[in-house]
Amino acid sequence: MNEKRKADPAKKWGPASDEWTRVYIKIAAGIGDQRRMFGYPCAFVNGNMFAGLFQTGLFLRLSEPEREKFLRLKGASRFEPMPGRPMREYVTAPAGMARHPEVVAEWLRRACAYASSLPRKEKRPRQPR
């Protein structure tokens, strides 16, 4: 059978901006465990992802009250890596925030604190192919 496969949206993702990359790498150093997710740098604590870069910029995982406060910032939005598929608890920072590293650092600390309050996420064993 010749089935058409849906195109993988991850293959269409471009890199995060140089500005966000510089700011994130500088600020995130020492906050949580740094590793890559889908080719982008991300931060984890107790196995829970709480921040990272994406083609649209910085995303953060925040508690509900913090998320509501964050979404009132001009240019902030819910994190939606694929159209129509928002990640709950995650928001995307306004592009202009990259020019204010001290503000980014404060929100990154808040995201880390929230993720630290969540139950530890255990690694699942890989399924054999």
Protein backbone atom coordinates (compact mmCIF):
# COMPACT_ATOMS: atom_id res chain seq x y z
CA MET A 1 0.00 0.00 0.00
CA ASN A 2 1.15 3.48 -0.74
CA GLU A 3 0.03 5.55 2.24
CA LYS A 4 0.77 9.22 2.34
CA ARG A 5 2.50 10.14 5.54
CA LYS A 6 1.83 13.42 7.23
CA ALA A 7 4.80 15.75 7.10
CA ASP A 8 6.66 15.96 10.39
CA PRO A 9 6.15 19.56 11.65
CA ALA A 10 9.43 19.40 13.57
CA LYS A 11 11.32 19.24 10.27
CA LYS A 12 9.93 22.67 9.37
CA TRP A 13 11.04 24.33 12.62
CA GLY A 14 13.73 26.93 12.24
CA PRO A 15 16.31 27.93 14.82
CA ALA A 16 15.58 30.32 17.67
CA SER A 17 16.83 33.85 17.06
CA ASP A 18 20.47 34.65 17.82
CA GLU A 19 19.33 37.27 20.33
CA TRP A 20 17.21 34.77 22.32
CA THR A 21 19.92 32.13 22.09
CA ARG A 22 22.57 34.47 23.56
CA VAL A 23 20.27 35.64 26.36
CA TYR A 24 19.03 32.16 27.24
CA ILE A 25 22.48 30.52 27.28
CA LYS A 26 23.84 33.27 29.53
CA ILE A 27 20.91 33.33 31.98
CA ALA A 28 19.98 29.64 32.09
CA ALA A 29 23.50 28.49 32.98
CA GLY A 30 23.28 27.03 36.47
CA ILE A 31 19.47 27.00 36.61
CA GLY A 32 18.20 23.44 36.40
CA ASP A 33 19.57 20.72 34.17
CA GLN A 34 20.29 21.92 30.65
CA ARG A 35 19.66 19.57 27.74
CA ARG A 36 18.21 19.63 24.25
CA MET A 37 14.64 18.89 23.28
CA PHE A 38 13.83 18.71 19.56
CA GLY A 39 17.17 20.40 18.85
CA TYR A 40 16.56 23.39 21.14
CA PRO A 41 18.19 24.10 24.53
CA CYS A 42 15.77 23.48 27.43
CA ALA A 43 15.91 23.48 31.22
CA PHE A 44 14.62 20.73 33.51
CA VAL A 45 14.32 20.24 37.26
CA ASN A 46 13.33 16.91 38.82
CA GLY A 47 12.68 15.63 35.30
CA ASN A 48 10.15 18.40 34.58
CA MET A 49 10.83 20.81 31.73
CA PHE A 50 10.29 24.42 32.77
CA ALA A 51 11.87 26.58 30.08
CA GLY A 52 13.55 26.52 26.73
CA LEU A 53 13.93 28.00 23.32
CA PHE A 54 11.84 27.37 20.26
CA GLN A 55 11.74 29.01 16.87
CA THR A 56 9.30 31.58 18.30
CA GLY A 57 11.61 32.45 21.20
CA LEU A 58 11.59 31.63 24.90
CA PHE A 59 8.89 29.49 26.48
CA LEU A 60 8.26 29.05 30.21
CA ARG A 61 6.17 26.73 32.37
CA LEU A 62 4.35 28.74 35.03
CA SER A 63 1.77 28.20 37.74
CA GLU A 64 -1.74 29.38 36.91
CA PRO A 65 -1.51 32.72 38.80
CA GLU A 66 1.93 33.44 37.31
CA ARG A 67 0.73 32.41 33.84
CA GLU A 68 -2.23 34.80 34.03
CA LYS A 69 0.09 37.60 35.12
CA PHE A 70 2.57 36.78 32.33
CA LEU A 71 -0.11 36.66 29.64
CA ARG A 72 -1.04 40.26 30.46
CA LEU A 73 2.37 41.34 29.14
CA LYS A 74 2.16 42.85 25.67
CA GLY A 75 3.22 40.24 23.10
CA ALA A 76 3.05 37.25 25.48
CA SER A 77 1.04 34.24 24.37
CA ARG A 78 0.33 30.61 25.13
CA PHE A 79 3.03 28.27 23.84
CA GLU A 80 1.74 26.49 20.78
CA PRO A 81 4.57 24.59 19.02
CA MET A 82 2.12 23.34 16.39
CA PRO A 83 -0.98 25.32 15.35
CA GLY A 84 -3.97 24.24 17.39
CA ARG A 85 -1.78 22.23 19.82
CA PRO A 86 -1.02 24.47 22.82
CA MET A 87 1.06 23.04 25.66
CA ARG A 88 -0.83 23.62 28.87
CA GLU A 89 1.00 25.55 31.57
CA TYR A 90 3.44 26.99 29.00
CA VAL A 91 3.70 30.55 27.68
CA THR A 92 5.86 32.27 25.08
CA ALA A 93 7.75 35.40 26.04
CA PRO A 94 7.30 38.60 24.05
CA ALA A 95 10.13 39.12 21.54
CA GLY A 96 11.17 42.42 23.15
CA MET A 97 11.80 40.72 26.49
CA ALA A 98 15.12 39.40 25.13
CA ARG A 99 16.46 42.96 25.44
CA HIS A 100 15.81 42.87 29.22
CA PRO A 101 17.88 39.95 30.57
CA GLU A 102 17.10 40.83 34.20
CA VAL A 103 13.37 40.39 33.51
CA VAL A 104 14.01 37.13 31.66
CA ALA A 105 16.10 35.89 34.60
CA GLU A 106 13.29 36.63 37.07
CA TRP A 107 10.70 34.75 35.00
CA LEU A 108 13.13 31.87 34.52
CA ARG A 109 13.56 31.63 38.31
CA ARG A 110 9.76 31.64 38.77
CA ALA A 111 9.39 28.85 36.19
CA CYS A 112 12.10 26.81 37.93
CA ALA A 113 10.43 27.32 41.32
CA TYR A 114 7.11 26.12 39.92
CA ALA A 115 8.63 23.03 38.27
CA SER A 116 10.49 22.27 41.53
CA SER A 117 7.13 22.11 43.31
CA LEU A 118 5.84 19.42 40.93
CA PRO A 119 6.28 15.70 41.62
CA ARG A 120 9.51 14.22 40.32
CA LYS A 121 9.07 12.84 36.83
CA GLU A 122 10.64 9.42 36.52
CA LYS A 123 12.30 8.35 33.31
CA ARG A 124 10.31 5.80 31.40
CA PRO A 125 12.23 2.87 29.96
CA ARG A 126 12.58 3.00 26.20
CA GLN A 127 10.34 0.72 24.25
CA PRO A 128 12.17 -1.81 22.08
CA ARG A 129 11.77 -1.22 18.36
